[in-house]
Structure formats: structure tokens, C-alpha cells
Amino acid sequence: MFGGMGNMGNMAQMMKKVQKAQAQMKLMQEEIKKKTVEVTVGGGAVKIAMNGDHVVQSLYIDKSAVDPEDVEMLQDLVLSAMNEVIKKTDDLMNTEMQKLMSSLGLPAGMMG
């Protein structure tokens, strides 16, 4: 009889933790949206900066990377930079999410 009551108390406590986590997660996501991740490929030939909301903030292409005879190389550099900046942005979000979950004593995959 009393065992059931204890489980209900634990469940209520867990729900409070989850609600707190959701509120803190929203704040964290807003902060990450303001951050900028930048990558450089091809020895500085292409640079891309993206914010935490996956919006590209800037794209720089060095003149030396623009070769009308080798457009494919430039395309590869831009694709490589885009894929890397997206991965780094996602890594930033995942790292911050894990820190938040850990600080609240919740399993890392619980909010995902």
C-alpha cells in the first residue's frame, strides 16, 4: 500500500525535473541560436559561418579558389565547408544538451 505512494512521489518529482529541464532547454536553445560556428576548408579558400539556428551568416571564397577550368573543386570545397559547419553546429547543440541533462540529473537521451 505505502510502496505505491512512494512511487507516485518519485513520479511527481521526476515530472518536476522534466518541466525544469524543458524550461532550461528553451533558454539554452535561445542562447545557442545567438552563437556562431565558423569553419575554414582548403587552407582558407572557403570559410562559412553559421549560427546555432542553422542560418548561414557569411560565406567567404578566396579568389584563388575560383578557377573557371576547375569549378568542381570549388563546389567540393563549398560542400565540404557546409557539411562541416552543420556538423559542428549540431555538435554544439548536443554538447550543451548533455551538459544540461547532466546538471539536472536526467539521462542524456531523455529530452531527445
PDB file of N, CA and C in Angstrom:
ATOM      1  N   MET A   1       0.833  -1.204   0.000  1.00  0.00           N
ATOM      2  CA  MET A   1       0.000   0.000   0.000  1.00  0.00           C
ATOM      3  C   MET A   1       0.869   1.256   0.000  1.00  0.00           C
ATOM      4  N   PHE A   2       1.832   1.316   0.934  1.00  0.00           N
ATOM      5  CA  PHE A   2       2.666   2.509   1.002  1.00  0.00           C
ATOM      6  C   PHE A   2       3.697   2.554  -0.121  1.00  0.00           C
ATOM      7  N   GLY A   3       4.069   1.379  -0.655  1.00  0.00           N
ATOM      8  CA  GLY A   3       5.023   1.340  -1.765  1.00  0.00           C
ATOM      9  C   GLY A   3       4.498   2.096  -2.972  1.00  0.00           C
ATOM     10  N   GLY A   4       3.210   1.967  -3.226  1.00  0.00           N
ATOM     11  CA  GLY A   4       2.596   2.673  -4.349  1.00  0.00           C
ATOM     12  C   GLY A   4       2.662   4.177  -4.165  1.00  0.00           C
ATOM     13  N   MET A   5       2.486   4.630  -2.940  1.00  0.00           N
ATOM     14  CA  MET A   5       2.539   6.071  -2.669  1.00  0.00           C
ATOM     15  C   MET A   5       3.942   6.621  -2.928  1.00  0.00           C
ATOM     16  N   GLY A   6       4.944   5.827  -2.538  1.00  0.00           N
ATOM     17  CA  GLY A   6       6.328   6.257  -2.761  1.00  0.00           C
ATOM     18  C   GLY A   6       6.629   6.399  -4.236  1.00  0.00           C
ATOM     19  N   ASN A   7       6.126   5.473  -5.040  1.00  0.00           N
ATOM     20  CA  ASN A   7       6.330   5.545  -6.486  1.00  0.00           C
ATOM     21  C   ASN A   7       5.657   6.777  -7.073  1.00  0.00           C
ATOM     22  N   MET A   8       4.488   7.133  -6.564  1.00  0.00           N
ATOM     23  CA  MET A   8       3.788   8.330  -7.049  1.00  0.00           C
ATOM     24  C   MET A   8       4.597   9.582  -6.717  1.00  0.00           C
ATOM     25  N   GLY A   9       5.179   9.597  -5.532  1.00  0.00           N
ATOM     26  CA  GLY A   9       6.019  10.731  -5.141  1.00  0.00           C
ATOM     27  C   GLY A   9       7.244  10.843  -6.026  1.00  0.00           C
ATOM     28  N   ASN A  10       7.847   9.700  -6.342  1.00  0.00           N
ATOM     29  CA  ASN A  10       9.009   9.696  -7.232  1.00  0.00           C
ATOM     30  C   ASN A  10       8.622  10.186  -8.626  1.00  0.00           C
ATOM     31  N   MET A  11       7.447   9.774  -9.083  1.00  0.00           N
ATOM     32  CA  MET A  11       6.978  10.190 -10.404  1.00  0.00           C
ATOM     33  C   MET A  11       6.734  11.699 -10.433  1.00  0.00           C
ATOM     34  N   ALA A  12       6.135  12.238  -9.401  1.00  0.00           N
ATOM     35  CA  ALA A  12       5.894  13.677  -9.330  1.00  0.00           C
ATOM     36  C   ALA A  12       7.213  14.435  -9.311  1.00  0.00           C
ATOM     37  N   GLN A  13       8.174  13.910  -8.570  1.00  0.00           N
ATOM     38  CA  GLN A  13       9.490  14.559  -8.509  1.00  0.00           C
ATOM     39  C   GLN A  13      10.167  14.524  -9.881  1.00  0.00           C
ATOM     40  N   MET A  14      10.051  13.389 -10.574  1.00  0.00           N
ATOM     41  CA  MET A  14      10.635  13.267 -11.912  1.00  0.00           C
ATOM     42  C   MET A  14       9.960  14.235 -12.879  1.00  0.00           C
ATOM     43  N   MET A  15       8.647  14.397 -12.781  1.00  0.00           N
ATOM     44  CA  MET A  15       7.937  15.321 -13.660  1.00  0.00           C
ATOM     45  C   MET A  15       8.389  16.760 -13.419  1.00  0.00           C
ATOM     46  N   LYS A  16       8.637  17.113 -12.170  1.00  0.00           N
ATOM     47  CA  LYS A  16       9.142  18.452 -11.868  1.00  0.00           C
ATOM     48  C   LYS A  16      10.507  18.657 -12.512  1.00  0.00           C
ATOM     49  N   LYS A  17      11.351  17.620 -12.447  1.00  0.00           N
ATOM     50  CA  LYS A  17      12.679  17.707 -13.075  1.00  0.00           C
ATOM     51  C   LYS A  17      12.548  17.883 -14.585  1.00  0.00           C
ATOM     52  N   VAL A  18      11.613  17.141 -15.179  1.00  0.00           N
ATOM     53  CA  VAL A  18      11.416  17.219 -16.625  1.00  0.00           C
ATOM     54  C   VAL A  18      10.928  18.612 -17.012  1.00  0.00           C
ATOM     55  N   GLN A  19       9.981  19.170 -16.246  1.00  0.00           N
ATOM     56  CA  GLN A  19       9.480  20.523 -16.541  1.00  0.00           C
ATOM     57  C   GLN A  19      10.595  21.552 -16.408  1.00  0.00           C
ATOM     58  N   LYS A  20      11.419  21.401 -15.379  1.00  0.00           N
ATOM     59  CA  LYS A  20      12.557  22.318 -15.202  1.00  0.00           C
ATOM     60  C   LYS A  20      13.526  22.169 -16.371  1.00  0.00           C
ATOM     61  N   ALA A  21      13.762  20.940 -16.790  1.00  0.00           N
ATOM     62  CA  ALA A  21      14.667  20.684 -17.914  1.00  0.00           C
ATOM     63  C   ALA A  21      14.135  21.325 -19.191  1.00  0.00           C
ATOM     64  N   GLN A  22      12.832  21.212 -19.419  1.00  0.00           N
ATOM     65  CA  GLN A  22      12.240  21.796 -20.627  1.00  0.00           C
ATOM     66  C   GLN A  22      12.404  23.311 -20.632  1.00  0.00           C
ATOM     67  N   ALA A  23      12.192  23.945 -19.496  1.00  0.00           N
ATOM     68  CA  ALA A  23      12.342  25.399 -19.410  1.00  0.00           C
ATOM     69  C   ALA A  23      13.796  25.800 -19.649  1.00  0.00           C
ATOM     70  N   GLN A  24      14.718  25.074 -19.019  1.00  0.00           N
ATOM     71  CA  GLN A  24      16.131  25.393 -19.198  1.00  0.00           C
ATOM     72  C   GLN A  24      16.597  25.076 -20.615  1.00  0.00           C
ATOM     73  N   MET A  25      16.025  24.043 -21.225  1.00  0.00           N
ATOM     74  CA  MET A  25      16.382  23.693 -22.588  1.00  0.00           C
ATOM     75  C   MET A  25      15.983  24.817 -23.549  1.00  0.00           C
ATOM     76  N   LYS A  26      14.808  25.405 -23.336  1.00  0.00           N
ATOM     77  CA  LYS A  26      14.378  26.519 -24.196  1.00  0.00           C
ATOM     78  C   LYS A  26      15.354  27.685 -24.084  1.00  0.00           C
ATOM     79  N   LEU A  27      15.761  27.994 -22.857  1.00  0.00           N
ATOM     80  CA  LEU A  27      16.730  29.073 -22.660  1.00  0.00           C
ATOM     81  C   LEU A  27      18.054  28.743 -23.345  1.00  0.00           C
ATOM     82  N   MET A  28      18.513  27.505 -23.196  1.00  0.00           N
ATOM     83  CA  MET A  28      19.764  27.080 -23.802  1.00  0.00           C
ATOM     84  C   MET A  28      19.681  27.191 -25.331  1.00  0.00           C
ATOM     85  N   GLN A  29      18.557  26.751 -25.908  1.00  0.00           N
ATOM     86  CA  GLN A  29      18.398  26.822 -27.358  1.00  0.00           C
ATOM     87  C   GLN A  29      18.428  28.265 -27.848  1.00  0.00           C
ATOM     88  N   GLU A  30      17.825  29.176 -27.094  1.00  0.00           N
ATOM     89  CA  GLU A  30      17.865  30.590 -27.469  1.00  0.00           C
ATOM     90  C   GLU A  30      19.303  31.130 -27.430  1.00  0.00           C
ATOM     91  N   GLU A  31      20.061  30.706 -26.430  1.00  0.00           N
ATOM     92  CA  GLU A  31      21.464  31.124 -26.328  1.00  0.00           C
ATOM     93  C   GLU A  31      22.289  30.562 -27.486  1.00  0.00           C
ATOM     94  N   ILE A  32      22.059  29.316 -27.831  1.00  0.00           N
ATOM     95  CA  ILE A  32      22.816  28.688 -28.917  1.00  0.00           C
ATOM     96  C   ILE A  32      22.495  29.355 -30.251  1.00  0.00           C
ATOM     97  N   LYS A  33      21.251  29.782 -30.440  1.00  0.00           N
ATOM     98  CA  LYS A  33      20.882  30.464 -31.681  1.00  0.00           C
ATOM     99  C   LYS A  33      21.724  31.727 -31.890  1.00  0.00           C
ATOM    100  N   LYS A  34      22.173  32.316 -30.790  1.00  0.00           N
ATOM    101  CA  LYS A  34      22.960  33.554 -30.867  1.00  0.00           C
ATOM    102  C   LYS A  34      24.437  33.282 -31.144  1.00  0.00           C
ATOM    103  N   LYS A  35      24.871  32.028 -30.952  1.00  0.00           N
ATOM    104  CA  LYS A  35      26.282  31.692 -31.152  1.00  0.00           C
ATOM    105  C   LYS A  35      26.572  31.472 -32.624  1.00  0.00           C
ATOM    106  N   THR A  36      27.826  31.659 -33.003  1.00  0.00           N
ATOM    107  CA  THR A  36      28.253  31.453 -34.381  1.00  0.00           C
ATOM    108  C   THR A  36      29.343  30.402 -34.421  1.00  0.00           C
ATOM    109  N   VAL A  37      29.204  29.478 -35.356  1.00  0.00           N
ATOM    110  CA  VAL A  37      30.211  28.452 -35.594  1.00  0.00           C
ATOM    111  C   VAL A  37      30.824  28.757 -36.949  1.00  0.00           C
ATOM    112  N   GLU A  38      32.161  28.723 -37.019  1.00  0.00           N
ATOM    113  CA  GLU A  38      32.840  29.037 -38.276  1.00  0.00           C
ATOM    114  C   GLU A  38      33.783  27.907 -38.649  1.00  0.00           C
ATOM    115  N   VAL A  39      33.799  27.559 -39.921  1.00  0.00           N
ATOM    116  CA  VAL A  39      34.744  26.566 -40.419  1.00  0.00           C
ATOM    117  C   VAL A  39      35.487  27.131 -41.616  1.00  0.00           C
ATOM    118  N   THR A  40      36.698  26.617 -41.804  1.00  0.00           N
ATOM    119  CA  THR A  40      37.537  27.001 -42.934  1.00  0.00           C
ATOM    120  C   THR A  40      38.046  25.727 -43.581  1.00  0.00           C
ATOM    121  N   VAL A  41      37.955  25.648 -44.891  1.00  0.00           N
ATOM    122  CA  VAL A  41      38.472  24.485 -45.621  1.00  0.00           C
ATOM    123  C   VAL A  41      39.390  24.960 -46.744  1.00  0.00           C
ATOM    124  N   GLY A  42      40.154  24.015 -47.264  1.00  0.00           N
ATOM    125  CA  GLY A  42      41.036  24.329 -48.392  1.00  0.00           C
ATOM    126  C   GLY A  42      42.102  25.343 -48.047  1.00  0.00           C
ATOM    127  N   GLY A  43      42.614  25.287 -46.817  1.00  0.00           N
ATOM    128  CA  GLY A  43      43.669  26.217 -46.425  1.00  0.00           C
ATOM    129  C   GLY A  43      43.223  27.665 -46.443  1.00  0.00           C
ATOM    130  N   GLY A  44      41.952  27.903 -46.148  1.00  0.00           N
ATOM    131  CA  GLY A  44      41.418  29.263 -46.120  1.00  0.00           C
ATOM    132  C   GLY A  44      40.700  29.659 -47.393  1.00  0.00           C
ATOM    133  N   ALA A  45      40.576  28.725 -48.333  1.00  0.00           N
ATOM    134  CA  ALA A  45      39.925  29.036 -49.607  1.00  0.00           C
ATOM    135  C   ALA A  45      38.436  29.311 -49.441  1.00  0.00           C
ATOM    136  N   VAL A  46      37.802  28.583 -48.514  1.00  0.00           N
ATOM    137  CA  VAL A  46      36.374  28.770 -48.270  1.00  0.00           C
ATOM    138  C   VAL A  46      36.136  28.814 -46.768  1.00  0.00           C
ATOM    139  N   LYS A  47      35.379  29.829 -46.340  1.00  0.00           N
ATOM    140  CA  LYS A  47      35.001  29.961 -44.937  1.00  0.00           C
ATOM    141  C   LYS A  47      33.489  30.144 -44.868  1.00  0.00           C
ATOM    142  N   ILE A  48      32.873  29.447 -43.923  1.00  0.00           N
ATOM    143  CA  ILE A  48      31.435  29.590 -43.718  1.00  0.00           C
ATOM    144  C   ILE A  48      31.180  29.770 -42.226  1.00  0.00           C
ATOM    145  N   ALA A  49      30.316  30.735 -41.905  1.00  0.00           N
ATOM    146  CA  ALA A  49      29.888  30.948 -40.526  1.00  0.00           C
ATOM    147  C   ALA A  49      28.381  30.718 -40.470  1.00  0.00           C
ATOM    148  N   MET A  50      27.962  29.949 -39.452  1.00  0.00           N
ATOM    149  CA  MET A  50      26.551  29.610 -39.290  1.00  0.00           C
ATOM    150  C   MET A  50      26.175  29.824 -37.832  1.00  0.00           C
ATOM    151  N   ASN A  51      24.954  30.310 -37.600  1.00  0.00           N
ATOM    152  CA  ASN A  51      24.527  30.453 -36.208  1.00  0.00           C
ATOM    153  C   ASN A  51      23.892  29.161 -35.722  1.00  0.00           C
ATOM    154  N   GLY A  52      23.586  29.119 -34.437  1.00  0.00           N
ATOM    155  CA  GLY A  52      23.028  27.921 -33.834  1.00  0.00           C
ATOM    156  C   GLY A  52      21.636  27.577 -34.306  1.00  0.00           C
ATOM    157  N   ASP A  53      21.034  28.455 -35.086  1.00  0.00           N
ATOM    158  CA  ASP A  53      19.708  28.216 -35.661  1.00  0.00           C
ATOM    159  C   ASP A  53      19.826  27.688 -37.091  1.00  0.00           C
ATOM    160  N   HIS A  54      21.042  27.286 -37.472  1.00  0.00           N
ATOM    161  CA  HIS A  54      21.346  26.755 -38.804  1.00  0.00           C
ATOM    162  C   HIS A  54      21.112  27.779 -39.926  1.00  0.00           C
ATOM    163  N   VAL A  55      21.349  29.044 -39.628  1.00  0.00           N
ATOM    164  CA  VAL A  55      21.271  30.081 -40.646  1.00  0.00           C
ATOM    165  C   VAL A  55      22.702  30.500 -40.985  1.00  0.00           C
ATOM    166  N   VAL A  56      23.058  30.426 -42.264  1.00  0.00           N
ATOM    167  CA  VAL A  56      24.398  30.815 -42.693  1.00  0.00           C
ATOM    168  C   VAL A  56      24.534  32.328 -42.546  1.00  0.00           C
ATOM    169  N   GLN A  57      25.535  32.741 -41.785  1.00  0.00           N
ATOM    170  CA  GLN A  57      25.770  34.157 -41.526  1.00  0.00           C
ATOM    171  C   GLN A  57      26.702  34.778 -42.569  1.00  0.00           C
ATOM    172  N   SER A  58      27.685  33.986 -43.013  1.00  0.00           N
ATOM    173  CA  SER A  58      28.604  34.512 -44.021  1.00  0.00           C
ATOM    174  C   SER A  58      29.247  33.370 -44.796  1.00  0.00           C
ATOM    175  N   LEU A  59      29.649  33.687 -46.006  1.00  0.00           N
ATOM    176  CA  LEU A  59      30.356  32.767 -46.882  1.00  0.00           C
ATOM    177  C   LEU A  59      31.480  33.556 -47.537  1.00  0.00           C
ATOM    178  N   TYR A  60      32.706  33.072 -47.374  1.00  0.00           N
ATOM    179  CA  TYR A  60      33.866  33.718 -47.983  1.00  0.00           C
ATOM    180  C   TYR A  60      34.514  32.724 -48.924  1.00  0.00           C
ATOM    181  N   ILE A  61      34.783  33.159 -50.145  1.00  0.00           N
ATOM    182  CA  ILE A  61      35.511  32.343 -51.119  1.00  0.00           C
ATOM    183  C   ILE A  61      36.709  33.163 -51.591  1.00  0.00           C
ATOM    184  N   ASP A  62      37.911  32.643 -51.345  1.00  0.00           N
ATOM    185  CA  ASP A  62      39.131  33.313 -51.768  1.00  0.00           C
ATOM    186  C   ASP A  62      39.224  33.289 -53.292  1.00  0.00           C
ATOM    187  N   LYS A  63      39.743  34.355 -53.856  1.00  0.00           N
ATOM    188  CA  LYS A  63      39.855  34.448 -55.320  1.00  0.00           C
ATOM    189  C   LYS A  63      40.644  33.288 -55.909  1.00  0.00           C
ATOM    190  N   SER A  64      41.626  32.795 -55.163  1.00  0.00           N
ATOM    191  CA  SER A  64      42.455  31.701 -55.677  1.00  0.00           C
ATOM    192  C   SER A  64      41.658  30.413 -55.868  1.00  0.00           C
ATOM    193  N   ALA A  65      40.502  30.297 -55.212  1.00  0.00           N
ATOM    194  CA  ALA A  65      39.674  29.093 -55.340  1.00  0.00           C
ATOM    195  C   ALA A  65      38.756  29.160 -56.557  1.00  0.00           C
ATOM    196  N   VAL A  66      38.697  30.316 -57.200  1.00  0.00           N
ATOM    197  CA  VAL A  66      37.816  30.491 -58.348  1.00  0.00           C
ATOM    198  C   VAL A  66      38.616  30.255 -59.622  1.00  0.00           C
ATOM    199  N   ASP A  67      38.481  29.050 -60.146  1.00  0.00           N
ATOM    200  CA  ASP A  67      39.181  28.659 -61.371  1.00  0.00           C
ATOM    201  C   ASP A  67      38.124  28.176 -62.355  1.00  0.00           C
ATOM    202  N   PRO A  68      37.867  28.960 -63.419  1.00  0.00           N
ATOM    203  CA  PRO A  68      36.836  28.577 -64.393  1.00  0.00           C
ATOM    204  C   PRO A  68      37.088  27.197 -65.003  1.00  0.00           C
ATOM    205  N   GLU A  69      38.340  26.754 -64.998  1.00  0.00           N
ATOM    206  CA  GLU A  69      38.672  25.448 -65.562  1.00  0.00           C
ATOM    207  C   GLU A  69      38.435  24.305 -64.566  1.00  0.00           C
ATOM    208  N   ASP A  70      38.208  24.647 -63.290  1.00  0.00           N
ATOM    209  CA  ASP A  70      38.028  23.608 -62.271  1.00  0.00           C
ATOM    210  C   ASP A  70      36.924  24.010 -61.286  1.00  0.00           C
ATOM    211  N   VAL A  71      35.721  24.179 -61.805  1.00  0.00           N
ATOM    212  CA  VAL A  71      34.570  24.566 -60.994  1.00  0.00           C
ATOM    213  C   VAL A  71      34.249  23.471 -59.967  1.00  0.00           C
ATOM    214  N   GLU A  72      34.484  22.218 -60.346  1.00  0.00           N
ATOM    215  CA  GLU A  72      34.181  21.098 -59.448  1.00  0.00           C
ATOM    216  C   GLU A  72      34.949  21.210 -58.127  1.00  0.00           C
ATOM    217  N   MET A  73      36.197  21.686 -58.177  1.00  0.00           N
ATOM    218  CA  MET A  73      36.986  21.820 -56.959  1.00  0.00           C
ATOM    219  C   MET A  73      36.327  22.823 -56.007  1.00  0.00           C
ATOM    220  N   LEU A  74      35.887  23.945 -56.540  1.00  0.00           N
ATOM    221  CA  LEU A  74      35.219  24.954 -55.728  1.00  0.00           C
ATOM    222  C   LEU A  74      33.912  24.400 -55.157  1.00  0.00           C
ATOM    223  N   GLN A  75      33.163  23.677 -55.965  1.00  0.00           N
ATOM    224  CA  GLN A  75      31.919  23.067 -55.487  1.00  0.00           C
ATOM    225  C   GLN A  75      32.210  22.108 -54.333  1.00  0.00           C
ATOM    226  N   ASP A  76      33.256  21.296 -54.479  1.00  0.00           N
ATOM    227  CA  ASP A  76      33.633  20.347 -53.424  1.00  0.00           C
ATOM    228  C   ASP A  76      34.022  21.071 -52.144  1.00  0.00           C
ATOM    229  N   LEU A  77      34.765  22.181 -52.281  1.00  0.00           N
ATOM    230  CA  LEU A  77      35.170  22.949 -51.102  1.00  0.00           C
ATOM    231  C   LEU A  77      33.958  23.531 -50.378  1.00  0.00           C
ATOM    232  N   VAL A  78      33.012  24.079 -51.134  1.00  0.00           N
ATOM    233  CA  VAL A  78      31.816  24.665 -50.525  1.00  0.00           C
ATOM    234  C   VAL A  78      30.978  23.567 -49.858  1.00  0.00           C
ATOM    235  N   LEU A  79      30.801  22.435 -50.531  1.00  0.00           N
ATOM    236  CA  LEU A  79      30.056  21.323 -49.935  1.00  0.00           C
ATOM    237  C   LEU A  79      30.723  20.832 -48.654  1.00  0.00           C
ATOM    238  N   SER A  80      32.024  20.698 -48.707  1.00  0.00           N
ATOM    239  CA  SER A  80      32.773  20.242 -47.535  1.00  0.00           C
ATOM    240  C   SER A  80      32.596  21.211 -46.374  1.00  0.00           C
ATOM    241  N   ALA A  81      32.710  22.500 -46.650  1.00  0.00           N
ATOM    242  CA  ALA A  81      32.550  23.516 -45.610  1.00  0.00           C
ATOM    243  C   ALA A  81      31.130  23.509 -45.052  1.00  0.00           C
ATOM    244  N   MET A  82      30.128  23.379 -45.914  1.00  0.00           N
ATOM    245  CA  MET A  82      28.732  23.346 -45.459  1.00  0.00           C
ATOM    246  C   MET A  82      28.484  22.150 -44.548  1.00  0.00           C
ATOM    247  N   ASN A  83      28.928  20.986 -44.977  1.00  0.00           N
ATOM    248  CA  ASN A  83      28.713  19.783 -44.168  1.00  0.00           C
ATOM    249  C   ASN A  83      29.423  19.892 -42.826  1.00  0.00           C
ATOM    250  N   GLU A  84      30.628  20.450 -42.825  1.00  0.00           N
ATOM    251  CA  GLU A  84      31.381  20.575 -41.580  1.00  0.00           C
ATOM    252  C   GLU A  84      30.744  21.584 -40.631  1.00  0.00           C
ATOM    253  N   VAL A  85      30.277  22.710 -41.150  1.00  0.00           N
ATOM    254  CA  VAL A  85      29.683  23.722 -40.276  1.00  0.00           C
ATOM    255  C   VAL A  85      28.351  23.226 -39.702  1.00  0.00           C
ATOM    256  N   ILE A  86      27.597  22.465 -40.462  1.00  0.00           N
ATOM    257  CA  ILE A  86      26.350  21.887 -39.950  1.00  0.00           C
ATOM    258  C   ILE A  86      26.664  20.890 -38.841  1.00  0.00           C
ATOM    259  N   LYS A  87      27.669  20.043 -39.061  1.00  0.00           N
ATOM    260  CA  LYS A  87      28.047  19.047 -38.050  1.00  0.00           C
ATOM    261  C   LYS A  87      28.528  19.742 -36.778  1.00  0.00           C
ATOM    262  N   LYS A  88      29.351  20.776 -36.911  1.00  0.00           N
ATOM    263  CA  LYS A  88      29.860  21.478 -35.727  1.00  0.00           C
ATOM    264  C   LYS A  88      28.727  22.174 -34.967  1.00  0.00           C
ATOM    265  N   THR A  89      27.767  22.718 -35.692  1.00  0.00           N
ATOM    266  CA  THR A  89      26.622  23.364 -35.058  1.00  0.00           C
ATOM    267  C   THR A  89      25.793  22.332 -34.293  1.00  0.00           C
ATOM    268  N   ASP A  90      25.552  21.182 -34.921  1.00  0.00           N
ATOM    269  CA  ASP A  90      24.811  20.103 -34.248  1.00  0.00           C
ATOM    270  C   ASP A  90      25.581  19.584 -33.038  1.00  0.00           C
ATOM    271  N   ASP A  91      26.908  19.462 -33.169  1.00  0.00           N
ATOM    272  CA  ASP A  91      27.738  19.010 -32.048  1.00  0.00           C
ATOM    273  C   ASP A  91      27.635  19.981 -30.877  1.00  0.00           C
ATOM    274  N   LEU A  92      27.617  21.271 -31.177  1.00  0.00           N
ATOM    275  CA  LEU A  92      27.484  22.288 -30.137  1.00  0.00           C
ATOM    276  C   LEU A  92      26.166  22.100 -29.385  1.00  0.00           C
ATOM    277  N   MET A  93      25.076  21.909 -30.126  1.00  0.00           N
ATOM    278  CA  MET A  93      23.766  21.706 -29.510  1.00  0.00           C
ATOM    279  C   MET A  93      23.757  20.447 -28.651  1.00  0.00           C
ATOM    280  N   ASN A  94      24.310  19.348 -29.181  1.00  0.00           N
ATOM    281  CA  ASN A  94      24.326  18.087 -28.435  1.00  0.00           C
ATOM    282  C   ASN A  94      25.164  18.191 -27.169  1.00  0.00           C
ATOM    283  N   THR A  95      26.301  18.856 -27.253  1.00  0.00           N
ATOM    284  CA  THR A  95      27.169  19.033 -26.085  1.00  0.00           C
ATOM    285  C   THR A  95      26.457  19.837 -25.010  1.00  0.00           C
ATOM    286  N   GLU A  96      25.819  20.925 -25.400  1.00  0.00           N
ATOM    287  CA  GLU A  96      25.099  21.755 -24.438  1.00  0.00           C
ATOM    288  C   GLU A  96      23.915  21.005 -23.834  1.00  0.00           C
ATOM    289  N   MET A  97      23.243  20.194 -24.648  1.00  0.00           N
ATOM    290  CA  MET A  97      22.107  19.403 -24.171  1.00  0.00           C
ATOM    291  C   MET A  97      22.571  18.383 -23.134  1.00  0.00           C
ATOM    292  N   GLN A  98      23.691  17.720 -23.398  1.00  0.00           N
ATOM    293  CA  GLN A  98      24.219  16.734 -22.455  1.00  0.00           C
ATOM    294  C   GLN A  98      24.616  17.394 -21.139  1.00  0.00           C
ATOM    295  N   LYS A  99      25.221  18.580 -21.222  1.00  0.00           N
ATOM    296  CA  LYS A  99      25.579  19.313 -20.003  1.00  0.00           C
ATOM    297  C   LYS A  99      24.327  19.635 -19.193  1.00  0.00           C
ATOM    298  N   LEU A 100      23.280  20.092 -19.875  1.00  0.00           N
ATOM    299  CA  LEU A 100      22.033  20.449 -19.201  1.00  0.00           C
ATOM    300  C   LEU A 100      21.411  19.226 -18.532  1.00  0.00           C
ATOM    301  N   MET A 101      21.314  18.130 -19.257  1.00  0.00           N
ATOM    302  CA  MET A 101      20.707  16.918 -18.703  1.00  0.00           C
ATOM    303  C   MET A 101      21.514  16.423 -17.499  1.00  0.00           C
ATOM    304  N   SER A 102      22.818  16.465 -17.619  1.00  0.00           N
ATOM    305  CA  SER A 102      23.679  16.014 -16.534  1.00  0.00           C
ATOM    306  C   SER A 102      23.501  16.896 -15.289  1.00  0.00           C
ATOM    307  N   SER A 103      23.415  18.197 -15.505  1.00  0.00           N
ATOM    308  CA  SER A 103      23.264  19.119 -14.381  1.00  0.00           C
ATOM    309  C   SER A 103      21.924  18.931 -13.667  1.00  0.00           C
ATOM    310  N   LEU A 104      20.930  18.420 -14.381  1.00  0.00           N
ATOM    311  CA  LEU A 104      19.616  18.178 -13.786  1.00  0.00           C
ATOM    312  C   LEU A 104      19.458  16.748 -13.280  1.00  0.00           C
ATOM    313  N   GLY A 105      20.505  15.939 -13.479  1.00  0.00           N
ATOM    314  CA  GLY A 105      20.440  14.561 -13.020  1.00  0.00           C
ATOM    315  C   GLY A 105      19.504  13.694 -13.851  1.00  0.00           C
ATOM    316  N   LEU A 106      19.342  14.053 -15.121  1.00  0.00           N
ATOM    317  CA  LEU A 106      18.468  13.284 -16.015  1.00  0.00           C
ATOM    318  C   LEU A 106      19.315  12.516 -17.022  1.00  0.00           C
ATOM    319  N   PRO A 107      18.810  11.398 -17.537  1.00  0.00           N
ATOM    320  CA  PRO A 107      19.544  10.670 -18.583  1.00  0.00           C
ATOM    321  C   PRO A 107      19.706  11.552 -19.814  1.00  0.00           C
ATOM    322  N   ALA A 108      20.869  11.496 -20.460  1.00  0.00           N
ATOM    323  CA  ALA A 108      21.188  12.377 -21.585  1.00  0.00           C
ATOM    324  C   ALA A 108      20.180  12.272 -22.739  1.00  0.00           C
ATOM    325  N   GLY A 109      19.639  11.097 -23.031  1.00  0.00           N
ATOM    326  CA  GLY A 109      18.730  10.936 -24.151  1.00  0.00           C
ATOM    327  C   GLY A 109      17.279  11.237 -23.838  1.00  0.00           C
ATOM    328  N   MET A 110      16.983  11.649 -22.627  1.00  0.00           N
ATOM    329  CA  MET A 110      15.592  11.782 -22.197  1.00  0.00           C
ATOM    330  C   MET A 110      14.811  12.838 -22.970  1.00  0.00           C
ATOM    331  N   MET A 111      15.435  13.958 -23.330  1.00  0.00           N
ATOM    332  CA  MET A 111      14.704  15.054 -23.979  1.00  0.00           C
ATOM    333  C   MET A 111      14.747  14.933 -25.501  1.00  0.00           C
ATOM    334  N   GLY A 112      15.571  14.055 -26.042  1.00  0.00           N
ATOM    335  CA  GLY A 112      15.728  13.964 -27.482  1.00  0.00           C
ATOM    336  C   GLY A 112      14.651  13.175 -28.098  1.00  0.00           C
TER     337      GLY A 112
END
